[in-house]
Amino acid sequence: MPEVIFNGPEGRLEGRYQHGSGENPPVALVLHPHPQHGGNMNNKVVYSVFHTFTSMGFSTLRFNFRGVGRSQGEYDFGTGELSDAASALDWMQSFNADARACWISGFSFGAWISFQLLMRRPEITGFVNIAPPANIFDFSFLAPCPVSGMVIQGTADEIVPEPDVAKLAEKLSSQRYVDIDYVKMRGADHFFSNYLERITDRSKKYVTKRMKELGKN
């Protein structure tokens, strides 16, 4: 898939982009785990989700946050990374001005950034967020969460305890007009070793169903 370099708030950002198929393909942005703990756009979970969206005909982008790989800048505790994600979405939309839907997905730290971005971008249609670190970061800004989505969590996660994520999903589901499809993967650790096919399968089924409900398929 084509390597891309685009401008971010602190310099160049490195990504991988696949243009979608058909007329006005939907777009999807996939965000990687914590930059200071080895997270990058080639993470296996991130790649699996990226491949899931591309296989469905989406124009899909994954990229390295500032200071990761060939992306310029330094880690900025989430504030700068949110700006990076917004710039990435802007860049992708410049090639997909008439996209019929906009999805976002993030894994771990990337899920935290994903939730923040969807609060700021009303064009985002839905999300697939994996192992959102509800025990580490504050998610109280999701009041209310503007769109429905899927949350995937492993029951054997040693970094983000499943009960914390379940509580977050329940809180979001209690809001009006928001439906959270909460998927517990029994035995999965934080890195979802041997669970990538299940992530792909559940994500694909959920996105397909939501796109039909929204009349965007």
N, C-alpha and C. Protein backbone atom coordinates (compact mmCIF):
# COMPACT_ATOMS: atom_id res chain seq x y z
N MET A 1 0.84 -1.18 0.00
CA MET A 1 0.00 0.00 0.00
C MET A 1 0.88 1.25 0.00
N PRO A 2 0.41 2.30 -0.65
CA PRO A 2 1.26 3.47 -0.86
C PRO A 2 1.68 4.16 0.44
N GLU A 3 2.96 4.47 0.51
CA GLU A 3 3.47 5.29 1.61
C GLU A 3 3.14 6.75 1.31
N VAL A 4 2.71 7.48 2.32
CA VAL A 4 2.38 8.89 2.13
C VAL A 4 3.08 9.72 3.21
N ILE A 5 3.40 10.94 2.85
CA ILE A 5 3.92 11.93 3.79
C ILE A 5 3.02 13.16 3.66
N PHE A 6 2.50 13.63 4.78
CA PHE A 6 1.65 14.82 4.74
C PHE A 6 2.00 15.74 5.90
N ASN A 7 1.56 16.98 5.79
CA ASN A 7 1.91 17.99 6.79
C ASN A 7 1.05 17.87 8.04
N GLY A 8 1.73 17.86 9.18
CA GLY A 8 1.05 17.89 10.47
C GLY A 8 1.38 19.19 11.19
N PRO A 9 0.87 19.38 12.39
CA PRO A 9 1.10 20.62 13.13
C PRO A 9 2.57 20.88 13.47
N GLU A 10 3.36 19.79 13.60
CA GLU A 10 4.77 19.93 13.99
C GLU A 10 5.71 19.43 12.91
N GLY A 11 5.25 19.37 11.67
CA GLY A 11 6.10 18.89 10.59
C GLY A 11 5.47 17.72 9.87
N ARG A 12 6.29 16.98 9.15
CA ARG A 12 5.78 15.88 8.33
C ARG A 12 5.30 14.70 9.17
N LEU A 13 4.24 14.06 8.68
CA LEU A 13 3.73 12.84 9.29
C LEU A 13 3.77 11.73 8.25
N GLU A 14 4.18 10.56 8.69
CA GLU A 14 4.34 9.40 7.81
C GLU A 14 3.13 8.48 7.93
N GLY A 15 2.61 8.04 6.80
CA GLY A 15 1.46 7.15 6.85
C GLY A 15 1.43 6.13 5.72
N ARG A 16 0.41 5.31 5.76
CA ARG A 16 0.09 4.37 4.69
C ARG A 16 -1.37 4.59 4.33
N TYR A 17 -1.63 4.76 3.04
CA TYR A 17 -2.97 5.11 2.60
C TYR A 17 -3.41 4.21 1.45
N GLN A 18 -4.64 3.76 1.52
CA GLN A 18 -5.23 2.97 0.43
C GLN A 18 -6.53 3.65 0.02
N HIS A 19 -6.61 4.06 -1.24
CA HIS A 19 -7.83 4.71 -1.71
C HIS A 19 -8.91 3.66 -1.92
N GLY A 20 -10.15 4.05 -1.61
CA GLY A 20 -11.26 3.12 -1.67
C GLY A 20 -11.76 2.83 -3.07
N SER A 21 -12.72 1.95 -3.13
CA SER A 21 -13.27 1.55 -4.42
C SER A 21 -14.68 2.11 -4.59
N GLY A 22 -15.10 2.19 -5.84
CA GLY A 22 -16.44 2.67 -6.12
C GLY A 22 -16.55 4.18 -6.07
N GLU A 23 -17.80 4.65 -6.17
CA GLU A 23 -18.05 6.09 -6.18
C GLU A 23 -18.21 6.62 -4.76
N ASN A 24 -17.51 7.71 -4.46
CA ASN A 24 -17.57 8.34 -3.13
C ASN A 24 -17.36 7.34 -2.00
N PRO A 25 -16.22 6.61 -2.00
CA PRO A 25 -16.02 5.60 -0.95
C PRO A 25 -15.99 6.24 0.44
N PRO A 26 -16.45 5.51 1.45
CA PRO A 26 -16.34 5.99 2.82
C PRO A 26 -14.88 6.03 3.24
N VAL A 27 -14.58 6.77 4.29
CA VAL A 27 -13.20 6.89 4.77
C VAL A 27 -13.09 6.32 6.18
N ALA A 28 -11.87 5.86 6.51
CA ALA A 28 -11.58 5.35 7.85
C ALA A 28 -10.17 5.75 8.25
N LEU A 29 -10.02 6.22 9.47
CA LEU A 29 -8.72 6.59 10.04
C LEU A 29 -8.44 5.65 11.20
N VAL A 30 -7.23 5.05 11.22
CA VAL A 30 -6.86 4.09 12.25
C VAL A 30 -5.66 4.62 13.04
N LEU A 31 -5.79 4.66 14.38
CA LEU A 31 -4.79 5.28 15.25
C LEU A 31 -4.08 4.24 16.12
N HIS A 32 -2.76 4.41 16.25
CA HIS A 32 -1.94 3.39 16.90
C HIS A 32 -1.77 3.60 18.42
N PRO A 33 -1.21 2.59 19.10
CA PRO A 33 -1.02 2.65 20.56
C PRO A 33 0.04 3.68 20.98
N HIS A 34 0.29 3.71 22.27
CA HIS A 34 1.12 4.73 22.90
C HIS A 34 2.52 4.83 22.29
N PRO A 35 2.89 6.02 21.82
CA PRO A 35 4.20 6.21 21.18
C PRO A 35 5.38 5.90 22.09
N GLN A 36 5.21 6.08 23.39
CA GLN A 36 6.34 5.86 24.31
C GLN A 36 6.45 4.42 24.79
N HIS A 37 5.57 3.58 24.29
CA HIS A 37 5.61 2.15 24.65
C HIS A 37 5.66 1.28 23.40
N GLY A 38 6.30 1.80 22.38
CA GLY A 38 6.50 1.02 21.16
C GLY A 38 5.37 1.06 20.16
N GLY A 39 4.36 1.87 20.41
CA GLY A 39 3.23 1.94 19.49
C GLY A 39 3.59 2.62 18.18
N ASN A 40 3.14 2.03 17.08
CA ASN A 40 3.33 2.64 15.76
C ASN A 40 2.28 2.08 14.81
N MET A 41 2.26 2.65 13.59
CA MET A 41 1.20 2.30 12.64
C MET A 41 1.31 0.86 12.12
N ASN A 42 2.44 0.19 12.38
CA ASN A 42 2.59 -1.20 11.94
C ASN A 42 2.22 -2.21 13.02
N ASN A 43 1.68 -1.72 14.13
CA ASN A 43 1.17 -2.61 15.17
C ASN A 43 0.17 -3.60 14.54
N LYS A 44 0.19 -4.84 14.99
CA LYS A 44 -0.62 -5.89 14.36
C LYS A 44 -2.11 -5.63 14.46
N VAL A 45 -2.56 -5.10 15.59
CA VAL A 45 -3.98 -4.79 15.72
C VAL A 45 -4.36 -3.66 14.77
N VAL A 46 -3.53 -2.62 14.73
CA VAL A 46 -3.78 -1.48 13.83
C VAL A 46 -3.81 -1.94 12.38
N TYR A 47 -2.85 -2.77 12.00
CA TYR A 47 -2.81 -3.26 10.62
C TYR A 47 -4.04 -4.10 10.30
N SER A 48 -4.48 -4.93 11.25
CA SER A 48 -5.65 -5.78 11.02
C SER A 48 -6.90 -4.93 10.78
N VAL A 49 -7.07 -3.88 11.58
CA VAL A 49 -8.24 -3.01 11.41
C VAL A 49 -8.13 -2.24 10.10
N PHE A 50 -6.92 -1.76 9.79
CA PHE A 50 -6.69 -1.07 8.52
C PHE A 50 -7.08 -1.98 7.35
N HIS A 51 -6.63 -3.22 7.39
CA HIS A 51 -6.93 -4.17 6.32
C HIS A 51 -8.43 -4.47 6.25
N THR A 52 -9.09 -4.52 7.41
CA THR A 52 -10.53 -4.76 7.44
C THR A 52 -11.28 -3.67 6.68
N PHE A 53 -10.95 -2.42 6.96
CA PHE A 53 -11.63 -1.31 6.27
C PHE A 53 -11.29 -1.28 4.78
N THR A 54 -10.03 -1.51 4.42
CA THR A 54 -9.68 -1.49 2.99
C THR A 54 -10.38 -2.61 2.24
N SER A 55 -10.54 -3.77 2.89
CA SER A 55 -11.21 -4.89 2.23
C SER A 55 -12.69 -4.61 1.99
N MET A 56 -13.23 -3.62 2.71
CA MET A 56 -14.63 -3.24 2.54
C MET A 56 -14.79 -2.07 1.58
N GLY A 57 -13.69 -1.65 0.95
CA GLY A 57 -13.75 -0.59 -0.03
C GLY A 57 -13.59 0.81 0.51
N PHE A 58 -13.22 0.94 1.78
CA PHE A 58 -13.00 2.25 2.39
C PHE A 58 -11.69 2.85 1.91
N SER A 59 -11.63 4.17 1.80
CA SER A 59 -10.35 4.88 1.72
C SER A 59 -9.82 4.92 3.14
N THR A 60 -8.67 4.31 3.38
CA THR A 60 -8.22 4.08 4.76
C THR A 60 -6.79 4.59 4.96
N LEU A 61 -6.58 5.24 6.10
CA LEU A 61 -5.27 5.80 6.43
C LEU A 61 -4.86 5.36 7.82
N ARG A 62 -3.63 4.89 7.95
CA ARG A 62 -3.00 4.74 9.25
C ARG A 62 -1.71 5.54 9.19
N PHE A 63 -1.26 6.09 10.31
CA PHE A 63 -0.07 6.95 10.27
C PHE A 63 0.64 6.91 11.62
N ASN A 64 1.87 7.38 11.62
CA ASN A 64 2.63 7.48 12.85
C ASN A 64 2.44 8.85 13.49
N PHE A 65 2.08 8.84 14.78
CA PHE A 65 2.02 10.10 15.52
C PHE A 65 3.39 10.77 15.53
N ARG A 66 3.42 12.04 15.86
CA ARG A 66 4.66 12.81 15.96
C ARG A 66 5.73 12.07 16.77
N GLY A 67 6.95 12.09 16.25
CA GLY A 67 8.07 11.48 16.95
C GLY A 67 8.19 9.98 16.77
N VAL A 68 7.30 9.38 15.98
CA VAL A 68 7.33 7.93 15.75
C VAL A 68 7.72 7.68 14.30
N GLY A 69 8.64 6.75 14.08
CA GLY A 69 9.08 6.45 12.71
C GLY A 69 9.66 7.69 12.05
N ARG A 70 9.15 8.01 10.88
CA ARG A 70 9.64 9.18 10.14
C ARG A 70 8.78 10.43 10.38
N SER A 71 7.86 10.34 11.32
CA SER A 71 7.04 11.51 11.64
C SER A 71 7.81 12.48 12.53
N GLN A 72 7.77 13.75 12.19
CA GLN A 72 8.52 14.76 12.92
C GLN A 72 7.79 15.20 14.19
N GLY A 73 8.56 15.79 15.11
CA GLY A 73 8.00 16.28 16.35
C GLY A 73 8.33 15.38 17.53
N GLU A 74 7.75 15.69 18.67
CA GLU A 74 7.98 14.93 19.90
C GLU A 74 6.65 14.61 20.57
N TYR A 75 6.68 13.55 21.35
CA TYR A 75 5.49 13.14 22.10
C TYR A 75 4.92 14.32 22.90
N ASP A 76 3.59 14.48 22.87
CA ASP A 76 2.97 15.65 23.49
C ASP A 76 1.81 15.28 24.41
N PHE A 77 1.88 14.12 25.04
CA PHE A 77 0.94 13.73 26.10
C PHE A 77 -0.52 13.72 25.65
N GLY A 78 -0.74 13.52 24.36
CA GLY A 78 -2.10 13.39 23.85
C GLY A 78 -2.61 14.64 23.16
N THR A 79 -2.20 15.81 23.62
CA THR A 79 -2.69 17.06 23.02
C THR A 79 -2.23 17.20 21.58
N GLY A 80 -0.93 17.04 21.36
CA GLY A 80 -0.39 17.14 20.01
C GLY A 80 -0.83 15.98 19.14
N GLU A 81 -0.97 14.80 19.75
CA GLU A 81 -1.39 13.62 18.98
C GLU A 81 -2.82 13.77 18.47
N LEU A 82 -3.67 14.44 19.26
CA LEU A 82 -5.03 14.73 18.79
C LEU A 82 -4.97 15.67 17.58
N SER A 83 -4.09 16.65 17.63
CA SER A 83 -3.92 17.55 16.48
C SER A 83 -3.40 16.80 15.26
N ASP A 84 -2.49 15.85 15.51
CA ASP A 84 -1.99 15.02 14.41
C ASP A 84 -3.14 14.25 13.75
N ALA A 85 -4.00 13.67 14.58
CA ALA A 85 -5.12 12.88 14.06
C ALA A 85 -6.07 13.77 13.25
N ALA A 86 -6.30 14.98 13.73
CA ALA A 86 -7.17 15.91 13.00
C ALA A 86 -6.55 16.27 11.65
N SER A 87 -5.24 16.48 11.63
CA SER A 87 -4.55 16.77 10.37
C SER A 87 -4.62 15.59 9.41
N ALA A 88 -4.50 14.38 9.96
CA ALA A 88 -4.58 13.17 9.13
C ALA A 88 -5.96 13.04 8.50
N LEU A 89 -6.99 13.33 9.29
CA LEU A 89 -8.35 13.27 8.75
C LEU A 89 -8.56 14.34 7.67
N ASP A 90 -8.04 15.53 7.93
CA ASP A 90 -8.11 16.61 6.93
C ASP A 90 -7.45 16.18 5.62
N TRP A 91 -6.26 15.58 5.74
CA TRP A 91 -5.52 15.16 4.55
C TRP A 91 -6.31 14.14 3.76
N MET A 92 -6.87 13.15 4.46
CA MET A 92 -7.62 12.11 3.78
C MET A 92 -8.89 12.67 3.14
N GLN A 93 -9.53 13.59 3.81
CA GLN A 93 -10.75 14.19 3.26
C GLN A 93 -10.47 15.04 2.03
N SER A 94 -9.24 15.54 1.91
CA SER A 94 -8.91 16.33 0.72
C SER A 94 -8.96 15.49 -0.54
N PHE A 95 -8.82 14.16 -0.39
CA PHE A 95 -8.92 13.24 -1.53
C PHE A 95 -10.28 12.53 -1.58
N ASN A 96 -11.10 12.79 -0.58
CA ASN A 96 -12.40 12.11 -0.47
C ASN A 96 -13.46 13.11 -0.02
N ALA A 97 -13.57 14.21 -0.74
CA ALA A 97 -14.44 15.31 -0.32
C ALA A 97 -15.90 14.89 -0.21
N ASP A 98 -16.31 13.91 -1.01
CA ASP A 98 -17.71 13.48 -1.02
C ASP A 98 -17.89 12.09 -0.42
N ALA A 99 -17.00 11.72 0.51
CA ALA A 99 -17.11 10.41 1.15
C ALA A 99 -18.49 10.24 1.78
N ARG A 100 -19.09 9.06 1.60
CA ARG A 100 -20.45 8.87 2.07
C ARG A 100 -20.53 8.50 3.55
N ALA A 101 -19.39 8.28 4.18
CA ALA A 101 -19.35 8.01 5.62
C ALA A 101 -17.92 8.21 6.11
N CYS A 102 -17.78 8.43 7.41
CA CYS A 102 -16.45 8.64 8.01
C CYS A 102 -16.38 7.84 9.31
N TRP A 103 -15.42 6.91 9.37
CA TRP A 103 -15.22 6.07 10.54
C TRP A 103 -13.84 6.32 11.14
N ILE A 104 -13.75 6.05 12.45
CA ILE A 104 -12.46 6.16 13.11
C ILE A 104 -12.27 4.93 14.01
N SER A 105 -11.02 4.54 14.14
CA SER A 105 -10.70 3.40 14.99
C SER A 105 -9.37 3.66 15.68
N GLY A 106 -9.27 3.21 16.92
CA GLY A 106 -8.01 3.35 17.64
C GLY A 106 -7.79 2.17 18.56
N PHE A 107 -6.53 1.88 18.82
CA PHE A 107 -6.16 0.79 19.71
C PHE A 107 -5.43 1.36 20.91
N SER A 108 -5.92 1.09 22.12
CA SER A 108 -5.30 1.52 23.36
C SER A 108 -5.20 3.06 23.42
N PHE A 109 -4.00 3.63 23.51
CA PHE A 109 -3.84 5.09 23.47
C PHE A 109 -4.55 5.68 22.26
N GLY A 110 -4.48 4.99 21.13
CA GLY A 110 -5.15 5.45 19.92
C GLY A 110 -6.66 5.53 20.08
N ALA A 111 -7.23 4.65 20.92
CA ALA A 111 -8.67 4.69 21.18
C ALA A 111 -9.04 5.95 21.96
N TRP A 112 -8.17 6.33 22.91
CA TRP A 112 -8.39 7.56 23.68
C TRP A 112 -8.39 8.78 22.76
N ILE A 113 -7.42 8.82 21.84
CA ILE A 113 -7.36 9.92 20.87
C ILE A 113 -8.57 9.86 19.94
N SER A 114 -8.96 8.67 19.54
CA SER A 114 -10.10 8.48 18.66
C SER A 114 -11.37 9.06 19.27
N PHE A 115 -11.62 8.76 20.54
CA PHE A 115 -12.81 9.28 21.20
C PHE A 115 -12.78 10.82 21.27
N GLN A 116 -11.59 11.37 21.50
CA GLN A 116 -11.49 12.84 21.55
C GLN A 116 -11.77 13.45 20.18
N LEU A 117 -11.26 12.81 19.13
CA LEU A 117 -11.45 13.35 17.78
C LEU A 117 -12.93 13.32 17.38
N LEU A 118 -13.64 12.24 17.72
CA LEU A 118 -15.04 12.17 17.30
C LEU A 118 -15.90 13.19 18.03
N MET A 119 -15.43 13.67 19.18
CA MET A 119 -16.15 14.74 19.88
C MET A 119 -16.02 16.07 19.14
N ARG A 120 -14.97 16.19 18.34
CA ARG A 120 -14.67 17.46 17.66
C ARG A 120 -15.05 17.47 16.19
N ARG A 121 -15.33 16.30 15.64
CA ARG A 121 -15.60 16.20 14.21
C ARG A 121 -16.98 15.59 13.96
N PRO A 122 -17.98 16.43 13.74
CA PRO A 122 -19.35 15.93 13.60
C PRO A 122 -19.58 15.04 12.39
N GLU A 123 -18.63 15.04 11.44
CA GLU A 123 -18.81 14.19 10.26
C GLU A 123 -18.51 12.72 10.54
N ILE A 124 -17.94 12.41 11.71
CA ILE A 124 -17.61 11.02 12.02
C ILE A 124 -18.90 10.23 12.27
N THR A 125 -19.05 9.14 11.52
CA THR A 125 -20.27 8.34 11.48
C THR A 125 -20.29 7.27 12.57
N GLY A 126 -19.13 6.67 12.84
CA GLY A 126 -19.08 5.58 13.80
C GLY A 126 -17.64 5.26 14.15
N PHE A 127 -17.46 4.34 15.09
CA PHE A 127 -16.10 4.00 15.54
C PHE A 127 -15.99 2.54 15.91
N VAL A 128 -14.76 2.04 15.83
CA VAL A 128 -14.39 0.73 16.35
C VAL A 128 -13.15 0.96 17.20
N ASN A 129 -13.33 1.01 18.51
CA ASN A 129 -12.21 1.28 19.41
C ASN A 129 -11.88 0.05 20.23
N ILE A 130 -10.58 -0.23 20.35
CA ILE A 130 -10.10 -1.47 20.93
C ILE A 130 -9.25 -1.18 22.17
N ALA A 131 -9.62 -1.81 23.28
CA ALA A 131 -8.91 -1.66 24.55
C ALA A 131 -8.68 -0.21 24.94
N PRO A 132 -9.75 0.62 24.98
CA PRO A 132 -9.57 2.01 25.43
C PRO A 132 -9.09 2.03 26.88
N PRO A 133 -8.00 2.72 27.19
CA PRO A 133 -7.40 2.66 28.53
C PRO A 133 -8.18 3.47 29.56
N ALA A 134 -9.35 2.94 29.93
CA ALA A 134 -10.26 3.64 30.83
C ALA A 134 -9.71 3.77 32.24
N ASN A 135 -8.73 2.95 32.59
CA ASN A 135 -8.11 3.01 33.92
C ASN A 135 -6.94 3.98 33.97
N ILE A 136 -6.52 4.50 32.83
CA ILE A 136 -5.32 5.35 32.76
C ILE A 136 -5.67 6.79 32.42
N PHE A 137 -6.57 6.97 31.43
CA PHE A 137 -6.91 8.31 30.97
C PHE A 137 -8.35 8.67 31.33
N ASP A 138 -8.62 9.96 31.36
CA ASP A 138 -9.94 10.48 31.69
C ASP A 138 -10.82 10.45 30.43
N PHE A 139 -11.96 9.80 30.52
CA PHE A 139 -12.90 9.73 29.40
C PHE A 139 -14.18 10.52 29.69
N SER A 140 -14.15 11.38 30.70
CA SER A 140 -15.36 12.11 31.08
C SER A 140 -15.80 13.11 30.03
N PHE A 141 -14.92 13.41 29.06
CA PHE A 141 -15.29 14.35 27.99
C PHE A 141 -16.39 13.78 27.09
N LEU A 142 -16.63 12.48 27.17
CA LEU A 142 -17.67 11.84 26.34
C LEU A 142 -19.04 12.08 26.95
N ALA A 143 -19.44 13.33 26.99
CA ALA A 143 -20.69 13.71 27.64
C ALA A 143 -21.42 14.77 26.84
N PRO A 144 -22.30 14.37 25.92
CA PRO A 144 -22.54 12.97 25.56
C PRO A 144 -21.66 12.52 24.40
N CYS A 145 -21.55 11.21 24.25
CA CYS A 145 -20.87 10.65 23.08
C CYS A 145 -21.78 10.88 21.87
N PRO A 146 -21.27 11.45 20.79
CA PRO A 146 -22.15 11.87 19.69
C PRO A 146 -22.60 10.77 18.74
N VAL A 147 -21.91 9.64 18.70
CA VAL A 147 -22.26 8.58 17.75
C VAL A 147 -22.16 7.21 18.40
N SER A 148 -22.83 6.25 17.79
CA SER A 148 -22.75 4.87 18.25
C SER A 148 -21.48 4.21 17.70
N GLY A 149 -21.06 3.12 18.33
CA GLY A 149 -19.86 2.44 17.86
C GLY A 149 -19.63 1.12 18.57
N MET A 150 -18.50 0.52 18.27
CA MET A 150 -18.12 -0.76 18.85
C MET A 150 -16.89 -0.59 19.74
N VAL A 151 -16.90 -1.27 20.88
CA VAL A 151 -15.74 -1.32 21.77
C VAL A 151 -15.37 -2.79 21.95
N ILE A 152 -14.11 -3.12 21.69
CA ILE A 152 -13.61 -4.49 21.82
C ILE A 152 -12.60 -4.54 22.97
N GLN A 153 -12.75 -5.51 23.85
CA GLN A 153 -11.87 -5.61 25.01
C GLN A 153 -11.58 -7.06 25.35
N GLY A 154 -10.34 -7.34 25.71
CA GLY A 154 -9.96 -8.68 26.13
C GLY A 154 -10.18 -8.87 27.62
N THR A 155 -10.62 -10.07 28.01
CA THR A 155 -10.88 -10.33 29.43
C THR A 155 -9.60 -10.59 30.22
N ALA A 156 -8.50 -10.90 29.52
CA ALA A 156 -7.24 -11.18 30.21
C ALA A 156 -6.24 -10.04 30.01
N ASP A 157 -6.75 -8.85 29.75
CA ASP A 157 -5.90 -7.68 29.53
C ASP A 157 -5.20 -7.33 30.84
N GLU A 158 -3.86 -7.37 30.82
CA GLU A 158 -3.07 -7.10 32.02
C GLU A 158 -2.75 -5.62 32.19
N ILE A 159 -3.06 -4.80 31.20
CA ILE A 159 -2.78 -3.36 31.24
C ILE A 159 -4.05 -2.55 31.46
N VAL A 160 -5.10 -2.93 30.76
CA VAL A 160 -6.40 -2.25 30.88
C VAL A 160 -7.42 -3.29 31.37
N PRO A 161 -7.77 -3.28 32.66
CA PRO A 161 -8.70 -4.29 33.18
C PRO A 161 -10.07 -4.21 32.51
N GLU A 162 -10.59 -5.37 32.16
CA GLU A 162 -11.88 -5.42 31.45
C GLU A 162 -13.02 -4.73 32.21
N PRO A 163 -13.12 -4.86 33.53
CA PRO A 163 -14.22 -4.18 34.23
C PRO A 163 -14.23 -2.66 34.03
N ASP A 164 -13.07 -2.05 33.90
CA ASP A 164 -13.00 -0.60 33.69
C ASP A 164 -13.58 -0.23 32.32
N VAL A 165 -13.29 -1.04 31.32
CA VAL A 165 -13.79 -0.78 29.97
C VAL A 165 -15.29 -1.06 29.92
N ALA A 166 -15.72 -2.12 30.60
CA ALA A 166 -17.15 -2.44 30.64
C ALA A 166 -17.94 -1.29 31.26
N LYS A 167 -17.37 -0.69 32.30
CA LYS A 167 -18.03 0.45 32.95
C LYS A 167 -18.14 1.64 32.00
N LEU A 168 -17.08 1.88 31.22
CA LEU A 168 -17.10 2.96 30.24
C LEU A 168 -18.16 2.69 29.17
N ALA A 169 -18.19 1.47 28.67
CA ALA A 169 -19.16 1.10 27.63
C ALA A 169 -20.59 1.24 28.14
N GLU A 170 -20.80 0.84 29.39
CA GLU A 170 -22.14 0.94 29.99
C GLU A 170 -22.56 2.40 30.14
N LYS A 171 -21.62 3.23 30.54
CA LYS A 171 -21.91 4.66 30.69
C LYS A 171 -22.30 5.28 29.34
N LEU A 172 -21.57 4.92 28.30
CA LEU A 172 -21.87 5.46 26.98
C LEU A 172 -23.21 4.94 26.46
N SER A 173 -23.50 3.67 26.72
CA SER A 173 -24.74 3.06 26.25
C SER A 173 -25.97 3.67 26.91
N SER A 174 -25.78 4.23 28.11
CA SER A 174 -26.91 4.80 28.84
C SER A 174 -27.35 6.14 28.28
N GLN A 175 -26.54 6.71 27.37
CA GLN A 175 -26.88 8.01 26.79
C GLN A 175 -27.92 7.85 25.69
N ARG A 176 -28.74 8.84 25.52
CA ARG A 176 -29.80 8.79 24.51
C ARG A 176 -29.21 8.73 23.10
N TYR A 177 -29.83 7.91 22.27
CA TYR A 177 -29.50 7.79 20.85
C TYR A 177 -28.11 7.20 20.59
N VAL A 178 -27.47 6.64 21.61
CA VAL A 178 -26.15 6.04 21.44
C VAL A 178 -26.22 4.56 21.81
N ASP A 179 -25.75 3.73 20.91
CA ASP A 179 -25.73 2.28 21.14
C ASP A 179 -24.29 1.79 21.02
N ILE A 180 -23.79 1.19 22.07
CA ILE A 180 -22.42 0.66 22.07
C ILE A 180 -22.47 -0.86 21.98
N ASP A 181 -21.87 -1.41 20.95
CA ASP A 181 -21.73 -2.85 20.82
C ASP A 181 -20.44 -3.23 21.55
N TYR A 182 -20.59 -3.74 22.77
CA TYR A 182 -19.44 -4.08 23.60
C TYR A 182 -19.09 -5.55 23.42
N VAL A 183 -17.88 -5.80 22.91
CA VAL A 183 -17.44 -7.16 22.60
C VAL A 183 -16.33 -7.57 23.56
N LYS A 184 -16.61 -8.58 24.39
CA LYS A 184 -15.59 -9.13 25.28
C LYS A 184 -14.97 -10.35 24.60
N MET A 185 -13.66 -10.32 24.43
CA MET A 185 -12.96 -11.47 23.86
C MET A 185 -12.31 -12.26 24.99
N ARG A 186 -12.90 -13.37 25.29
CA ARG A 186 -12.46 -14.16 26.44
C ARG A 186 -11.05 -14.71 26.24
N GLY A 187 -10.19 -14.43 27.22
CA GLY A 187 -8.82 -14.92 27.18
C GLY A 187 -7.83 -14.02 26.47
N ALA A 188 -8.33 -12.97 25.81
CA ALA A 188 -7.42 -12.09 25.06
C ALA A 188 -6.67 -11.15 25.99
N ASP A 189 -5.35 -11.03 25.77
CA ASP A 189 -4.56 -10.08 26.55
C ASP A 189 -4.58 -8.72 25.85
N HIS A 190 -3.78 -7.79 26.34
CA HIS A 190 -3.82 -6.42 25.80
C HIS A 190 -3.40 -6.36 24.33
N PHE A 191 -2.58 -7.31 23.92
CA PHE A 191 -2.06 -7.27 22.55
C PHE A 191 -2.84 -8.19 21.60
N PHE A 192 -3.87 -8.84 22.12
CA PHE A 192 -4.78 -9.66 21.32
C PHE A 192 -4.04 -10.71 20.50
N SER A 193 -3.02 -11.31 21.11
CA SER A 193 -2.31 -12.40 20.46
C SER A 193 -3.29 -13.51 20.11
N ASN A 194 -3.25 -13.98 18.88
CA ASN A 194 -4.12 -15.05 18.37
C ASN A 194 -5.60 -14.66 18.28
N TYR A 195 -5.90 -13.37 18.39
CA TYR A 195 -7.29 -12.92 18.31
C TYR A 195 -7.52 -11.95 17.14
N LEU A 196 -6.53 -11.78 16.29
CA LEU A 196 -6.66 -10.79 15.22
C LEU A 196 -7.78 -11.13 14.23
N GLU A 197 -7.93 -12.42 13.93
CA GLU A 197 -9.00 -12.81 13.00
C GLU A 197 -10.37 -12.52 13.60
N ARG A 198 -10.51 -12.68 14.89
CA ARG A 198 -11.78 -12.39 15.54
C ARG A 198 -12.06 -10.89 15.54
N ILE A 199 -11.01 -10.08 15.73
CA ILE A 199 -11.19 -8.63 15.64
C ILE A 199 -11.67 -8.25 14.24
N THR A 200 -11.02 -8.83 13.23
CA THR A 200 -11.40 -8.55 11.85
C THR A 200 -12.85 -8.95 11.59
N ASP A 201 -13.22 -10.15 12.02
CA ASP A 201 -14.56 -10.66 11.77
C ASP A 201 -15.63 -9.81 12.45
N ARG A 202 -15.44 -9.52 13.74
CA ARG A 202 -16.44 -8.74 14.47
C ARG A 202 -16.54 -7.32 13.93
N SER A 203 -15.40 -6.72 13.62
CA SER A 203 -15.40 -5.35 13.09
C SER A 203 -16.12 -5.28 11.76
N LYS A 204 -15.82 -6.22 10.89
CA LYS A 204 -16.43 -6.21 9.56
C LYS A 204 -17.95 -6.37 9.64
N LYS A 205 -18.40 -7.29 10.47
CA LYS A 205 -19.84 -7.50 10.62
C LYS A 205 -20.52 -6.26 11.19
N TYR A 206 -19.88 -5.65 12.18
CA TYR A 206 -20.49 -4.47 12.80
C TYR A 206 -20.56 -3.29 11.83
N VAL A 207 -19.45 -3.00 11.15
CA VAL A 207 -19.43 -1.86 10.23
C VAL A 207 -20.42 -2.07 9.08
N THR A 208 -20.47 -3.29 8.56
CA THR A 208 -21.42 -3.60 7.48
C THR A 208 -22.85 -3.36 7.93
N LYS A 209 -23.17 -3.83 9.13
CA LYS A 209 -24.52 -3.66 9.67
C LYS A 209 -24.86 -2.18 9.87
N ARG A 210 -23.94 -1.43 10.46
CA ARG A 210 -24.19 0.00 10.71
C ARG A 210 -24.32 0.78 9.41
N MET A 211 -23.50 0.46 8.41
CA MET A 211 -23.57 1.16 7.14
C MET A 211 -24.93 0.93 6.47
N LYS A 212 -25.46 -0.28 6.60
CA LYS A 212 -26.79 -0.57 6.04
C LYS A 212 -27.86 0.21 6.78
N GLU A 213 -27.76 0.25 8.11
CA GLU A 213 -28.73 0.99 8.92
C GLU A 213 -28.72 2.47 8.57
N LEU A 214 -27.53 2.99 8.28
CA LEU A 214 -27.39 4.42 7.96
C LEU A 214 -27.69 4.72 6.49
N GLY A 215 -27.88 3.66 5.70
CA GLY A 215 -28.13 3.86 4.28
C GLY A 215 -26.90 4.34 3.53
N LYS A 216 -25.70 3.93 4.04
CA LYS A 216 -24.44 4.41 3.44
C LYS A 216 -23.72 3.33 2.65
N ASN A 217 -24.31 2.12 2.58
CA ASN A 217 -23.59 1.02 1.93
C ASN A 217 -23.73 1.10 0.40
